[in-house]
């Protein structure tokens, strides 16, 4: 039975980190459960945590998560414009899945050239809307950055183009929710304000009855219904978009489990590589750049980096590099992924200064390889098997650089790629290895291989991360259904008198 066409819906925010990404993922799952064919869309995302589509192109990880919740493959049309910060002032610009250069913030937000980007994101949305129903859109930051109104590609101008119904999401846990909601709406112009069709209060703690009078006050002040008050939760696990969440995971080593530390890099990227380990009952995973804590780890993981040479310089400056080498000498396993793999070699070279001003630094010296940073970015999904294992594993590559053995050393690949006469990574021994493949730790067979030397510490348990994620999307949908007026949402998205599109 064909479902009626719904308007696109945009979950916009009163500010950053109010929960837009997770709410959008929840509604992707709700619409899927209800028989619709939803797809996520965010015109412009800023994040180091990216993902590779089946076509080998790059998008923000949040939209890949939302597509997973919707039960569909991710595509660049879901996030046509991605900014990957490389410093406090500059970002790599990825358009339709491919890098098109580095820009500083001032140049990027100037009016010149913005119409070309605006046309690209509008075209991506238009293609997506023809294939899916509804498109679940996500805004960025605050909808009321009036100083950036003319250059905004992702919030109300995008909603106006799409004819989307906008649900304004506010984080009550921060405090000041009345001012945030009212102020955000009042700073909009009349055309923008017409698209605000509802208010969603997120991350509520305490007794909802105490907030009940506030709901009526907000509706009267803002002229829009409060569609729901969603309580804060701790028992539903959805992948985070921003590495700011790692600040809550800086835990110390624990007894009775395999202690695995992820070294906190300043430009750490793709931290979702470690989500499966984080949920594995055999493992205690913690993030740190404290040299004493690093020495307590059974396994040290060096993550990806958006600026390998800058992070390498910092690791040498703060003593972490020396701590990693010493810990390995004393029995710890060290594994590097992508930028972390590059760090483990004899040197990292950037003769063309692709990353910045540093042209060459000695690496940690744990692997007999050398890396040359290159301007062309490699993005692809891969299937592979590692060492002598016959299990087929999956992952993806996102890197700018080539790593080869130093002169006089033979190749010793960690991974063998299927359907290609190509290998990946370097295997020195069971305690020292590196790879360019993100997602390698999502494969149970590789995790079992990694943990095998420490098998006497915990009980043997295999963790099925894919099944776990599906359960979490369903739990998130149930949580939102319990606290949001879903019939009202459908009424808003079905009201043909309300939709206006340019």
Protein backbone atom coordinates (compact mmCIF):
# COMPACT_ATOMS: atom_id res chain seq x y z
CA UNK A 1 0.00 0.00 0.00
CA UNK A 2 1.42 3.37 -1.08
CA UNK A 3 1.86 5.83 1.75
CA UNK A 4 0.67 9.41 1.39
CA UNK A 5 3.34 11.97 0.58
CA UNK A 6 4.57 13.80 3.65
CA UNK A 7 6.25 17.18 3.74
CA UNK A 8 9.97 17.18 4.45
CA UNK A 9 10.63 17.83 8.14
CA UNK A 10 13.61 19.72 9.51
CA UNK A 11 14.84 19.35 13.07
CA UNK A 12 16.55 22.68 13.70
CA UNK A 13 18.11 23.82 16.94
CA UNK A 14 18.33 26.71 19.37
CA UNK A 15 22.07 25.95 19.45
CA UNK A 16 24.72 23.30 18.90
CA UNK A 17 24.58 19.93 20.67
CA UNK A 18 20.89 20.15 21.57
CA UNK A 19 20.31 16.63 20.21
CA UNK A 20 19.18 17.31 16.63
CA UNK A 21 21.16 14.44 15.11
CA UNK A 22 19.79 11.82 17.49
CA UNK A 23 16.21 13.12 17.23
CA UNK A 24 16.48 12.99 13.42
CA UNK A 25 17.81 9.42 13.63
CA UNK A 26 14.89 8.49 15.87
CA UNK A 27 12.36 9.87 13.42
CA UNK A 28 14.08 8.08 10.52
CA UNK A 29 13.43 4.84 12.40
CA UNK A 30 9.85 5.84 13.34
CA UNK A 31 8.92 6.62 9.73
CA UNK A 32 10.52 3.35 8.60
CA UNK A 33 8.55 1.42 11.24
CA UNK A 34 5.35 3.09 10.07
CA UNK A 35 5.82 1.97 6.47
CA UNK A 36 7.30 5.12 4.95
CA UNK A 37 10.61 5.33 3.04
CA UNK A 38 12.52 8.10 4.85
CA UNK A 39 15.99 9.44 4.13
CA UNK A 40 18.14 11.88 6.11
CA UNK A 41 19.52 15.16 4.79
CA UNK A 42 21.86 17.80 6.16
CA UNK A 43 22.97 20.35 3.62
CA UNK A 44 26.19 21.25 5.41
CA UNK A 45 27.88 19.38 8.21
CA UNK A 46 31.03 20.23 10.14
CA UNK A 47 32.71 17.19 11.67
CA UNK A 48 35.91 15.17 11.67
CA UNK A 49 33.91 11.99 12.04
CA UNK A 50 33.10 11.00 8.47
CA UNK A 51 32.07 7.85 6.60
CA UNK A 52 32.44 6.37 3.12
CA UNK A 53 29.39 5.64 0.96
CA UNK A 54 29.08 2.44 -1.12
CA UNK A 55 30.27 4.54 -4.09
CA UNK A 56 33.51 5.40 -2.26
CA UNK A 57 32.59 9.01 -1.45
CA UNK A 58 32.71 10.86 1.87
CA UNK A 59 29.86 12.17 4.05
CA UNK A 60 29.34 13.13 7.68
CA UNK A 61 29.00 10.19 10.04
CA UNK A 62 25.74 11.51 11.51
CA UNK A 63 23.94 11.16 8.19
CA UNK A 64 25.35 7.64 7.76
CA UNK A 65 23.91 6.77 11.18
CA UNK A 66 20.55 8.31 10.25
CA UNK A 67 20.52 6.36 6.96
CA UNK A 68 21.22 3.19 8.94
CA UNK A 69 18.27 4.01 11.20
CA UNK A 70 16.16 4.49 8.06
CA UNK A 71 17.34 1.11 6.75
CA UNK A 72 18.90 2.46 3.53
CA UNK A 73 22.44 2.82 2.13
CA UNK A 74 24.01 6.21 2.75
CA UNK A 75 24.63 8.57 -0.20
CA UNK A 76 26.35 11.90 -0.71
CA UNK A 77 22.99 13.54 -1.49
CA UNK A 78 22.24 13.12 2.22
CA UNK A 79 25.15 15.40 3.13
CA UNK A 80 26.39 17.20 0.01
CA UNK A 81 28.65 19.63 1.87
CA UNK A 82 31.05 18.50 4.62
CA UNK A 83 33.57 20.72 6.41
CA UNK A 84 36.43 18.89 8.12
CA UNK A 85 38.30 21.27 10.46
CA UNK A 86 42.08 21.15 10.09
CA UNK A 87 42.75 24.04 12.52
CA UNK A 88 40.82 26.61 14.53
CA UNK A 89 40.38 28.73 11.41
CA UNK A 90 40.55 26.41 8.38
CA UNK A 91 38.62 23.40 7.09
CA UNK A 92 38.81 20.99 4.22
CA UNK A 93 35.69 21.39 2.08
CA UNK A 94 34.16 18.15 0.79
CA UNK A 95 31.51 18.71 -1.90
CA UNK A 96 29.36 15.82 -3.12
CA UNK A 97 31.78 13.41 -1.46
CA UNK A 98 35.03 14.78 -2.88
CA UNK A 99 37.48 17.32 -1.36
CA UNK A 100 37.58 20.59 -3.30
CA UNK A 101 40.16 22.48 -1.23
CA UNK A 102 40.90 24.09 2.11
CA UNK A 103 39.32 27.38 3.15
CA UNK A 104 39.56 29.62 6.17
CA UNK A 105 36.30 30.52 7.90
CA UNK A 106 36.23 34.13 6.71
CA UNK A 107 36.66 33.26 3.04
CA UNK A 108 34.19 30.39 3.26
CA UNK A 109 31.37 32.48 4.70
CA UNK A 110 31.84 35.43 2.34
CA UNK A 111 29.06 35.93 -0.19
CA UNK A 112 31.29 35.35 -3.22
CA UNK A 113 30.90 31.79 -4.46
CA UNK A 114 28.13 30.91 -2.01
CA UNK A 115 25.50 30.63 -4.74
CA UNK A 116 27.43 27.82 -6.39
CA UNK A 117 27.41 25.88 -3.10
CA UNK A 118 23.77 26.77 -2.50
CA UNK A 119 22.84 25.41 -5.92
CA UNK A 120 24.73 22.19 -5.19
CA UNK A 121 22.96 21.51 -1.88
CA UNK A 122 19.55 22.39 -3.33
CA UNK A 123 20.12 20.00 -6.23
CA UNK A 124 21.14 17.25 -3.81
CA UNK A 125 17.97 17.72 -1.79
CA UNK A 126 15.80 17.76 -4.93
CA UNK A 127 17.28 14.45 -6.08
CA UNK A 128 16.72 12.92 -2.65
CA UNK A 129 13.11 14.06 -2.37
CA UNK A 130 12.23 12.33 -5.63
CA UNK A 131 13.29 8.98 -4.17
CA UNK A 132 12.22 9.11 -0.53
CA UNK A 133 9.22 10.02 1.61
CA UNK A 134 9.72 11.92 3.83
CA UNK A 135 13.13 13.57 3.82
CA UNK A 136 14.21 14.03 7.44
CA UNK A 137 16.34 17.16 7.49
CA UNK A 138 18.74 18.38 10.15
CA UNK A 139 19.76 21.97 10.77
CA UNK A 140 23.15 23.10 12.08
CA UNK A 141 23.93 24.99 15.26
CA UNK A 142 21.43 27.75 15.96
CA UNK A 143 18.73 28.81 13.50
CA UNK A 144 19.17 32.42 14.66
CA UNK A 145 22.73 33.33 13.64
CA UNK A 146 21.46 36.51 12.01
CA UNK A 147 24.98 37.69 11.12
CA UNK A 148 25.29 34.66 8.81
CA UNK A 149 21.74 34.78 7.40
CA UNK A 150 22.75 35.73 3.86
CA UNK A 151 25.37 32.98 3.63
CA UNK A 152 23.39 30.26 5.49
CA UNK A 153 23.00 27.08 3.45
CA UNK A 154 21.67 24.66 6.03
CA UNK A 155 18.95 26.13 8.27
CA UNK A 156 15.91 28.25 7.34
CA UNK A 157 16.98 29.08 3.75
CA UNK A 158 17.25 25.34 3.13
CA UNK A 159 13.89 24.70 4.82
CA UNK A 160 12.28 27.40 2.66
CA UNK A 161 13.66 25.85 -0.52
CA UNK A 162 12.43 22.41 0.57
CA UNK A 163 9.05 23.60 1.79
CA UNK A 164 9.88 21.82 5.01
CA UNK A 165 8.02 21.92 8.29
CA UNK A 166 10.53 22.93 10.97
CA UNK A 167 10.51 21.47 14.47
CA UNK A 168 12.68 23.60 16.76
CA UNK A 169 14.70 21.46 19.20
CA UNK A 170 15.82 22.97 22.51
CA UNK A 171 18.03 21.46 25.24
CA UNK A 172 16.33 22.14 28.56
CA UNK A 173 19.24 20.59 30.47
CA UNK A 174 21.32 23.68 29.69
CA UNK A 175 18.86 26.02 31.39
CA UNK A 176 17.23 29.12 29.91
CA UNK A 177 14.99 27.12 27.61
CA UNK A 178 12.24 29.78 27.44
CA UNK A 179 14.66 32.48 26.36
CA UNK A 180 16.36 30.13 23.90
CA UNK A 181 13.13 29.10 22.19
CA UNK A 182 11.41 32.49 22.22
CA UNK A 183 14.55 34.38 21.25
CA UNK A 184 15.35 31.97 18.43
CA UNK A 185 11.90 32.38 16.90
CA UNK A 186 11.67 36.15 17.41
CA UNK A 187 14.99 36.69 15.60
CA UNK A 188 13.58 35.09 12.46
CA UNK A 189 11.96 37.14 9.74
CA UNK A 190 8.30 36.61 8.86
CA UNK A 191 8.95 34.20 6.00
CA UNK A 192 11.27 32.08 8.14
CA UNK A 193 8.88 32.11 11.09
CA UNK A 194 6.05 30.65 8.98
CA UNK A 195 8.02 27.42 8.66
CA UNK A 196 8.27 26.83 12.43
CA UNK A 197 5.50 24.30 13.02
CA UNK A 198 6.46 22.88 16.39
CA UNK A 199 8.78 22.97 19.41
CA UNK A 200 10.46 19.89 20.87
CA UNK A 201 12.00 20.11 24.33
CA UNK A 202 14.90 17.66 24.65
CA UNK A 203 17.02 16.20 27.48
CA UNK A 204 14.43 16.83 30.22
CA UNK A 205 15.27 15.64 33.75
CA UNK A 206 12.92 15.39 36.70
CA UNK A 207 9.15 15.37 37.08
CA UNK A 208 7.42 16.39 33.84
CA UNK A 209 4.43 17.68 35.84
CA UNK A 210 6.53 20.60 37.07
CA UNK A 211 7.08 21.72 33.47
CA UNK A 212 3.46 21.35 32.39
CA UNK A 213 2.56 25.05 32.91
CA UNK A 214 5.65 25.98 30.91
CA UNK A 215 4.34 24.14 27.88
CA UNK A 216 1.31 26.40 27.67
CA UNK A 217 3.47 29.49 28.23
CA UNK A 218 5.80 28.53 25.40
CA UNK A 219 2.93 27.85 23.02
CA UNK A 220 1.32 31.19 23.80
CA UNK A 221 4.58 33.12 23.49
CA UNK A 222 5.78 31.46 20.30
CA UNK A 223 2.56 30.65 18.46
CA UNK A 224 3.63 27.05 17.84
CA UNK A 225 2.69 23.81 19.59
CA UNK A 226 5.09 21.94 21.86
CA UNK A 227 5.06 18.55 20.12
CA UNK A 228 6.84 16.77 22.94
CA UNK A 229 9.16 16.83 25.94
CA UNK A 230 11.77 14.08 25.56
CA UNK A 231 13.49 12.96 28.76
CA UNK A 232 17.24 12.59 29.04
CA UNK A 233 18.33 8.97 28.72
CA UNK A 234 21.44 7.00 29.64
CA UNK A 235 20.49 3.51 28.51
CA UNK A 236 20.13 4.02 24.74
CA UNK A 237 23.30 3.99 22.69
CA UNK A 238 23.43 5.96 19.42
CA UNK A 239 26.76 6.86 17.80
CA UNK A 240 27.83 10.40 18.63
CA UNK A 241 28.72 12.88 15.89
CA UNK A 242 31.21 15.04 17.78
CA UNK A 243 34.32 13.99 19.67
CA UNK A 244 33.33 16.36 22.49
CA UNK A 245 31.50 13.30 23.86
CA UNK A 246 34.87 11.66 24.49
CA UNK A 247 35.48 14.04 27.37
CA UNK A 248 33.04 11.94 29.41
CA UNK A 249 34.94 8.74 28.58
CA UNK A 250 38.31 9.61 30.06
CA UNK A 251 38.23 6.81 32.57
CA UNK A 252 41.06 5.05 34.33
CA UNK A 253 42.13 1.46 33.92
CA UNK A 254 39.98 -1.21 35.59
CA UNK A 255 40.63 -4.61 37.10
CA UNK A 256 39.24 -7.90 35.78
CA UNK A 257 38.94 -6.75 32.15
CA UNK A 258 41.21 -6.13 29.19
CA UNK A 259 42.25 -2.49 29.50
CA UNK A 260 42.34 -0.74 26.14
CA UNK A 261 43.23 2.92 25.83
CA UNK A 262 42.59 5.16 22.84
CA UNK A 263 45.19 7.90 22.76
CA UNK A 264 43.47 11.29 22.75
CA UNK A 265 44.82 13.29 19.82
CA UNK A 266 44.08 16.97 19.36
CA UNK A 267 42.84 16.31 15.80
CA UNK A 268 41.33 12.88 16.49
CA UNK A 269 38.94 11.74 13.76
CA UNK A 270 36.62 8.77 13.21
CA UNK A 271 36.46 7.95 16.92
CA UNK A 272 33.50 5.69 16.12
CA UNK A 273 36.14 3.11 15.16
CA UNK A 274 36.12 2.15 18.83
CA UNK A 275 32.39 1.93 19.53
CA UNK A 276 32.25 -1.85 19.24
CA UNK A 277 35.09 -2.29 21.72
CA UNK A 278 33.40 0.14 24.05
CA UNK A 279 30.39 -2.18 24.27
CA UNK A 280 32.35 -5.44 24.42
CA UNK A 281 31.86 -6.99 27.90
CA UNK A 282 35.43 -8.31 27.92
CA UNK A 283 36.89 -4.84 27.53
CA UNK A 284 37.36 -1.69 29.56
CA UNK A 285 37.95 1.07 27.01
CA UNK A 286 39.16 4.51 28.05
CA UNK A 287 40.47 7.62 26.30
CA UNK A 288 43.51 9.42 27.66
CA UNK A 289 46.69 11.30 26.92
CA UNK A 290 47.93 10.81 30.48
CA UNK A 291 51.27 9.02 30.33
CA UNK A 292 50.71 7.10 33.58
CA UNK A 293 47.33 5.76 32.40
CA UNK A 294 48.81 4.77 29.04
CA UNK A 295 51.34 2.61 30.89
CA UNK A 296 48.48 0.66 32.54
CA UNK A 297 46.88 -0.41 29.25
CA UNK A 298 47.02 -3.92 27.83
CA UNK A 299 46.31 -2.56 24.35
CA UNK A 300 47.03 0.95 23.06
CA UNK A 301 45.05 2.18 20.06
CA UNK A 302 46.32 5.11 18.00
CA UNK A 303 43.30 6.62 16.21
CA UNK A 304 42.89 8.53 12.98
CA UNK A 305 43.93 12.16 12.77
CA UNK A 306 42.99 15.06 10.50
CA UNK A 307 46.49 16.49 11.01
CA UNK A 308 48.98 13.68 11.53
CA UNK A 309 52.14 15.80 11.69
CA UNK A 310 50.63 18.30 14.11
CA UNK A 311 49.49 15.50 16.39
CA UNK A 312 52.86 13.75 16.11
CA UNK A 313 54.60 16.95 17.15
CA UNK A 314 52.27 17.24 20.16
CA UNK A 315 52.77 13.60 21.20
CA UNK A 316 56.52 14.15 21.23
CA UNK A 317 56.20 17.43 23.11
CA UNK A 318 53.97 16.11 25.90
CA UNK A 319 55.78 12.80 26.44
CA UNK A 320 52.97 10.56 25.19
CA UNK A 321 55.09 9.25 22.30
CA UNK A 322 57.77 8.07 24.70
CA UNK A 323 55.13 6.51 26.99
CA UNK A 324 53.64 4.50 24.11
CA UNK A 325 57.05 3.16 23.07
CA UNK A 326 57.91 2.28 26.67
CA UNK A 327 54.54 0.58 27.24
CA UNK A 328 55.06 -1.53 24.12
CA UNK A 329 58.54 -2.48 25.27
CA UNK A 330 57.01 -3.66 28.54
CA UNK A 331 54.39 -5.86 26.88
CA UNK A 332 51.49 -3.71 25.64
CA UNK A 333 50.00 -4.27 22.20
CA UNK A 334 49.95 -1.18 19.96
CA UNK A 335 47.62 -0.86 16.96
CA UNK A 336 47.39 2.18 14.71
CA UNK A 337 44.45 3.01 12.46
CA UNK A 338 44.86 5.40 9.52
CA UNK A 339 46.68 8.45 10.94
CA UNK A 340 47.62 6.31 13.93
CA UNK A 341 49.25 3.83 11.54
CA UNK A 342 51.25 6.68 10.02
CA UNK A 343 52.38 7.78 13.50
CA UNK A 344 53.82 4.31 14.23
CA UNK A 345 56.37 4.43 11.39
CA UNK A 346 59.94 5.71 11.17
CA UNK A 347 58.93 9.10 9.75
CA UNK A 348 56.07 11.11 8.31
CA UNK A 349 56.86 13.41 5.38
CA UNK A 350 54.76 16.19 3.89
CA UNK A 351 56.99 17.77 1.22
CA UNK A 352 54.08 19.60 -0.42
CA UNK A 353 52.88 20.95 2.96
CA UNK A 354 49.43 19.49 2.38
CA UNK A 355 48.65 19.48 6.11
CA UNK A 356 50.55 22.58 7.21
CA UNK A 357 54.00 24.02 7.75
CA UNK A 358 55.73 20.88 9.12
CA UNK A 359 57.50 19.00 6.32
CA UNK A 360 58.95 16.02 8.20
CA UNK A 361 59.01 14.44 11.66
CA UNK A 362 60.35 11.16 13.02
CA UNK A 363 57.55 8.76 13.94
CA UNK A 364 57.31 6.49 16.96
CA UNK A 365 59.61 3.96 15.29
CA UNK A 366 57.41 0.98 16.13
CA UNK A 367 56.97 -0.13 12.51
CA UNK A 368 59.60 -0.16 9.72
CA UNK A 369 57.53 2.02 7.40
CA UNK A 370 57.56 5.59 6.13
CA UNK A 371 54.62 7.78 5.14
CA UNK A 372 54.38 10.51 2.54
CA UNK A 373 51.33 12.79 2.82
CA UNK A 374 49.72 13.35 -0.56
CA UNK A 375 47.14 15.81 -1.83
CA UNK A 376 44.75 13.22 -3.28
CA UNK A 377 42.32 11.73 -0.78
CA UNK A 378 41.54 8.01 -0.98
CA UNK A 379 37.97 7.05 -0.03
CA UNK A 380 36.63 3.54 -0.60
CA UNK A 381 34.73 0.70 1.05
CA UNK A 382 36.67 -2.55 1.26
CA UNK A 383 36.26 -6.24 2.02
CA UNK A 384 39.31 -8.08 3.28
CA UNK A 385 40.73 -10.84 5.41
CA UNK A 386 43.54 -10.35 7.89
CA UNK A 387 46.66 -12.50 8.20
CA UNK A 388 45.73 -16.22 8.03
CA UNK A 389 42.07 -15.74 8.89
CA UNK A 390 39.51 -16.85 6.31
CA UNK A 391 36.73 -14.63 7.69
CA UNK A 392 35.59 -11.89 5.30
CA UNK A 393 35.71 -8.51 7.04
CA UNK A 394 34.42 -5.09 5.99
CA UNK A 395 35.64 -1.53 6.49
CA UNK A 396 36.47 1.69 4.67
CA UNK A 397 39.41 3.94 3.90
CA UNK A 398 39.65 7.74 4.21
CA UNK A 399 43.21 9.01 4.05
CA UNK A 400 45.64 11.34 2.34
CA UNK A 401 48.97 9.57 2.26
CA UNK A 402 50.86 6.44 1.23
CA UNK A 403 52.81 4.22 3.64
CA UNK A 404 55.51 1.84 2.44
CA UNK A 405 58.29 -0.19 4.08
CA UNK A 406 61.57 1.66 4.57
CA UNK A 407 64.45 0.73 2.31
CA UNK A 408 65.70 -2.78 3.01
CA UNK A 409 62.48 -3.97 4.68
CA UNK A 410 60.04 -6.39 3.05
CA UNK A 411 56.29 -5.94 2.93
CA UNK A 412 54.43 -7.60 5.79
CA UNK A 413 50.74 -6.83 5.20
CA UNK A 414 48.14 -7.07 7.92
CA UNK A 415 45.21 -7.28 5.50
CA UNK A 416 44.51 -8.75 2.07
CA UNK A 417 41.78 -7.01 0.07
CA UNK A 418 39.21 -9.01 -1.86
CA UNK A 419 38.49 -8.33 -5.54
CA UNK A 420 41.76 -6.36 -5.70
CA UNK A 421 45.38 -7.41 -5.95
CA UNK A 422 46.17 -5.10 -3.06
CA UNK A 423 47.27 -5.40 0.53
CA UNK A 424 46.94 -3.05 3.49
CA UNK A 425 48.85 -2.13 6.58
CA UNK A 426 51.90 -3.61 8.23
CA UNK A 427 52.16 -6.51 10.66
CA UNK A 428 55.33 -6.63 12.75
CA UNK A 429 54.01 -9.18 15.21
CA UNK A 430 50.88 -9.81 17.27
CA UNK A 431 51.75 -6.87 19.53
CA UNK A 432 52.50 -4.26 16.85
CA UNK A 433 50.48 -3.55 13.70
CA UNK A 434 48.89 -0.77 11.67
CA UNK A 435 46.17 -0.40 9.06
CA UNK A 436 44.45 2.24 6.93
CA UNK A 437 41.08 0.48 7.29
CA UNK A 438 38.52 2.24 9.48
CA UNK A 439 35.91 -0.12 10.89
CA UNK A 440 38.36 -3.00 11.23
CA UNK A 441 37.35 -3.16 14.90
CA UNK A 442 33.69 -3.65 13.95
CA UNK A 443 34.55 -7.19 12.81
CA UNK A 444 34.19 -9.77 15.63
CA UNK A 445 36.88 -12.05 14.22
CA UNK A 446 39.48 -9.30 14.29
CA UNK A 447 38.50 -8.27 17.83
CA UNK A 448 38.82 -11.90 18.98
CA UNK A 449 42.25 -12.03 17.35
CA UNK A 450 43.30 -8.80 19.06
CA UNK A 451 42.07 -9.90 22.50
CA UNK A 452 43.29 -13.51 22.31
CA UNK A 453 46.61 -12.95 24.18
CA UNK A 454 44.61 -11.57 27.11
CA UNK A 455 41.91 -14.27 27.10
CA UNK A 456 42.68 -15.30 30.68
CA UNK A 457 41.45 -11.94 32.03
CA UNK A 458 37.72 -11.95 31.11
CA UNK A 459 35.20 -14.62 30.20
CA UNK A 460 34.86 -15.41 26.50
CA UNK A 461 31.94 -13.47 25.02
CA UNK A 462 31.30 -12.44 21.43
CA UNK A 463 29.55 -9.12 20.86
CA UNK A 464 27.26 -8.64 17.81
CA UNK A 465 27.48 -4.89 17.17
CA UNK A 466 25.15 -4.81 14.15
CA UNK A 467 22.32 -6.46 16.06
CA UNK A 468 23.02 -4.20 19.02
CA UNK A 469 22.72 -1.05 16.87
CA UNK A 470 19.42 -2.19 15.39
CA UNK A 471 18.07 -2.74 18.90
CA UNK A 472 19.20 0.76 19.91
CA UNK A 473 17.44 2.43 16.96
CA UNK A 474 14.23 0.64 17.93
CA UNK A 475 14.64 1.68 21.57
CA UNK A 476 15.25 5.28 20.52
CA UNK A 477 12.10 5.23 18.40
CA UNK A 478 10.10 3.81 21.33
CA UNK A 479 11.51 6.51 23.63
CA UNK A 480 10.52 9.31 21.25
CA UNK A 481 7.06 7.80 20.58
CA UNK A 482 6.42 7.74 24.33
CA UNK A 483 7.08 11.44 24.75
CA UNK A 484 6.20 13.10 21.42
CA UNK A 485 2.74 13.58 19.94
CA UNK A 486 3.35 11.47 16.82
CA UNK A 487 -0.21 11.90 15.44
CA UNK A 488 0.36 15.67 15.64
CA UNK A 489 3.65 15.30 13.74
CA UNK A 490 1.84 13.39 10.98
CA UNK A 491 -0.92 16.01 10.90
CA UNK A 492 1.67 18.78 10.49
CA UNK A 493 3.49 16.91 7.72
CA UNK A 494 0.23 16.14 5.89
CA UNK A 495 -1.36 19.60 5.93
CA UNK A 496 -1.28 20.62 2.29
CA UNK A 497 -2.42 24.16 3.07
CA UNK A 498 0.72 24.74 5.12
CA UNK A 499 3.46 23.74 2.70
CA UNK A 500 5.14 26.52 0.76
CA UNK A 501 8.11 25.86 -1.47
CA UNK A 502 10.14 28.11 -3.68
